[in-house]
Amino acid sequence: MKQLTIDDVIGSFCYKAISTSEKFLNPSFEVHFYDKEERQKMDCFDAKTEIEAWNAAIEEHGKEIQKIMITHSNRTRTEFLALD
């Protein structure tokens, strides 16, 4: 009889963790904005400041966007794009 492992019992688990220093040294921001058709959108950018995040949003989505708010994100841009 085979001895069961934790993975056998509860399934595989992602053991990848983000250290606290990585989280604070590589901050990311959620930028909420209206596009040129006035539809509300949200995008996530890895940036050190809110201004850098807003400038990245303008570069990616164009100068016609209107800012709603910018908040600190718990997810990185890579994690955010993986949700799509």
C-alpha atoms as a PDB file:
ATOM      1  CA  MET A   1       0.000   0.000   0.000  1.00  0.00           C
ATOM      2  CA  LYS A   2       1.338   3.407  -1.024  1.00  0.00           C
ATOM      3  CA  GLN A   3       1.681   6.152   1.562  1.00  0.00           C
ATOM      4  CA  LEU A   4      -0.295   9.221   0.542  1.00  0.00           C
ATOM      5  CA  THR A   5       1.335  12.613   0.308  1.00  0.00           C
ATOM      6  CA  ILE A   6      -0.305  15.958   0.984  1.00  0.00           C
ATOM      7  CA  ASP A   7      -0.550  16.526  -2.780  1.00  0.00           C
ATOM      8  CA  ASP A   8      -2.446  13.244  -3.135  1.00  0.00           C
ATOM      9  CA  VAL A   9      -4.930  14.245  -0.445  1.00  0.00           C
ATOM     10  CA  ILE A  10      -5.617  17.920  -1.152  1.00  0.00           C
ATOM     11  CA  GLY A  11      -4.242  18.272  -4.667  1.00  0.00           C
ATOM     12  CA  SER A  12      -1.308  20.273  -5.910  1.00  0.00           C
ATOM     13  CA  PHE A  13      -0.757  23.692  -4.431  1.00  0.00           C
ATOM     14  CA  CYS A  14       1.251  26.606  -5.751  1.00  0.00           C
ATOM     15  CA  TYR A  15       4.083  26.988  -3.263  1.00  0.00           C
ATOM     16  CA  LYS A  16       5.389  30.125  -4.943  1.00  0.00           C
ATOM     17  CA  ALA A  17       5.335  33.033  -2.520  1.00  0.00           C
ATOM     18  CA  ILE A  18       6.206  36.681  -2.910  1.00  0.00           C
ATOM     19  CA  SER A  19       8.494  37.998  -0.229  1.00  0.00           C
ATOM     20  CA  THR A  20       7.553  41.169   1.596  1.00  0.00           C
ATOM     21  CA  SER A  21      10.625  42.957   0.271  1.00  0.00           C
ATOM     22  CA  GLU A  22       9.728  42.058  -3.332  1.00  0.00           C
ATOM     23  CA  LYS A  23       6.207  43.310  -2.800  1.00  0.00           C
ATOM     24  CA  PHE A  24       7.312  46.700  -1.497  1.00  0.00           C
ATOM     25  CA  LEU A  25      10.345  47.136  -3.749  1.00  0.00           C
ATOM     26  CA  ASN A  26       8.272  46.367  -6.861  1.00  0.00           C
ATOM     27  CA  PRO A  27       4.957  48.130  -6.247  1.00  0.00           C
ATOM     28  CA  SER A  28       2.118  48.091  -8.738  1.00  0.00           C
ATOM     29  CA  PHE A  29      -0.874  50.357  -9.170  1.00  0.00           C
ATOM     30  CA  GLU A  30      -4.401  49.930 -10.509  1.00  0.00           C
ATOM     31  CA  VAL A  31      -5.331  52.810 -12.787  1.00  0.00           C
ATOM     32  CA  HIS A  32      -9.086  53.361 -13.197  1.00  0.00           C
ATOM     33  CA  PHE A  33     -10.018  55.588 -16.136  1.00  0.00           C
ATOM     34  CA  TYR A  34     -12.545  56.443 -18.851  1.00  0.00           C
ATOM     35  CA  ASP A  35     -11.441  55.717 -22.427  1.00  0.00           C
ATOM     36  CA  LYS A  36     -12.223  57.978 -25.396  1.00  0.00           C
ATOM     37  CA  GLU A  37     -15.695  56.371 -25.743  1.00  0.00           C
ATOM     38  CA  GLU A  38     -16.242  57.183 -22.026  1.00  0.00           C
ATOM     39  CA  ARG A  39     -16.294  53.521 -20.983  1.00  0.00           C
ATOM     40  CA  GLN A  40     -14.851  52.834 -17.554  1.00  0.00           C
ATOM     41  CA  LYS A  41     -11.730  50.664 -17.626  1.00  0.00           C
ATOM     42  CA  MET A  42      -9.009  49.501 -15.279  1.00  0.00           C
ATOM     43  CA  ASP A  43      -5.421  48.474 -15.948  1.00  0.00           C
ATOM     44  CA  CYS A  44      -2.537  47.507 -13.692  1.00  0.00           C
ATOM     45  CA  PHE A  45       1.026  48.827 -14.013  1.00  0.00           C
ATOM     46  CA  ASP A  46       4.262  48.012 -12.210  1.00  0.00           C
ATOM     47  CA  ALA A  47       5.531  51.454 -11.229  1.00  0.00           C
ATOM     48  CA  LYS A  48       7.222  53.103  -8.284  1.00  0.00           C
ATOM     49  CA  THR A  49       4.829  56.057  -8.069  1.00  0.00           C
ATOM     50  CA  GLU A  50       1.255  56.909  -9.030  1.00  0.00           C
ATOM     51  CA  ILE A  51       2.585  59.424 -11.568  1.00  0.00           C
ATOM     52  CA  GLU A  52       4.629  56.714 -13.317  1.00  0.00           C
ATOM     53  CA  ALA A  53       1.543  54.469 -13.404  1.00  0.00           C
ATOM     54  CA  TRP A  54      -0.585  57.270 -14.900  1.00  0.00           C
ATOM     55  CA  ASN A  55       2.077  58.034 -17.528  1.00  0.00           C
ATOM     56  CA  ALA A  56       2.223  54.329 -18.438  1.00  0.00           C
ATOM     57  CA  ALA A  57      -1.577  54.315 -18.838  1.00  0.00           C
ATOM     58  CA  ILE A  58      -1.390  57.330 -21.158  1.00  0.00           C
ATOM     59  CA  GLU A  59       1.340  55.643 -23.231  1.00  0.00           C
ATOM     60  CA  GLU A  60      -0.678  52.441 -23.560  1.00  0.00           C
ATOM     61  CA  HIS A  61      -4.225  53.797 -23.933  1.00  0.00           C
ATOM     62  CA  GLY A  62      -3.695  57.251 -25.453  1.00  0.00           C
ATOM     63  CA  LYS A  63      -3.957  60.844 -24.282  1.00  0.00           C
ATOM     64  CA  GLU A  64      -7.763  60.879 -24.552  1.00  0.00           C
ATOM     65  CA  ILE A  65      -8.258  58.925 -21.314  1.00  0.00           C
ATOM     66  CA  GLN A  66      -9.667  60.582 -18.183  1.00  0.00           C
ATOM     67  CA  LYS A  67      -8.400  59.574 -14.757  1.00  0.00           C
ATOM     68  CA  ILE A  68     -10.891  58.302 -12.170  1.00  0.00           C
ATOM     69  CA  MET A  69      -8.489  57.074  -9.485  1.00  0.00           C
ATOM     70  CA  ILE A  70      -5.199  55.288  -8.912  1.00  0.00           C
ATOM     71  CA  THR A  71      -4.788  52.781  -6.084  1.00  0.00           C
ATOM     72  CA  HIS A  72      -2.028  50.506  -4.845  1.00  0.00           C
ATOM     73  CA  SER A  73      -2.533  46.979  -6.197  1.00  0.00           C
ATOM     74  CA  ASN A  74      -1.942  43.651  -4.490  1.00  0.00           C
ATOM     75  CA  ARG A  75      -1.256  42.054  -7.881  1.00  0.00           C
ATOM     76  CA  THR A  76       1.623  42.594 -10.284  1.00  0.00           C
ATOM     77  CA  ARG A  77       0.944  43.433 -13.922  1.00  0.00           C
ATOM     78  CA  THR A  78       1.826  39.848 -14.888  1.00  0.00           C
ATOM     79  CA  GLU A  79      -0.716  38.447 -12.421  1.00  0.00           C
ATOM     80  CA  PHE A  80      -3.311  40.954 -13.631  1.00  0.00           C
ATOM     81  CA  LEU A  81      -2.804  40.008 -17.302  1.00  0.00           C
ATOM     82  CA  ALA A  82      -3.005  36.305 -16.408  1.00  0.00           C
ATOM     83  CA  LEU A  83      -6.585  36.878 -15.192  1.00  0.00           C
ATOM     84  CA  ASP A  84      -7.757  37.673 -18.736  1.00  0.00           C
END
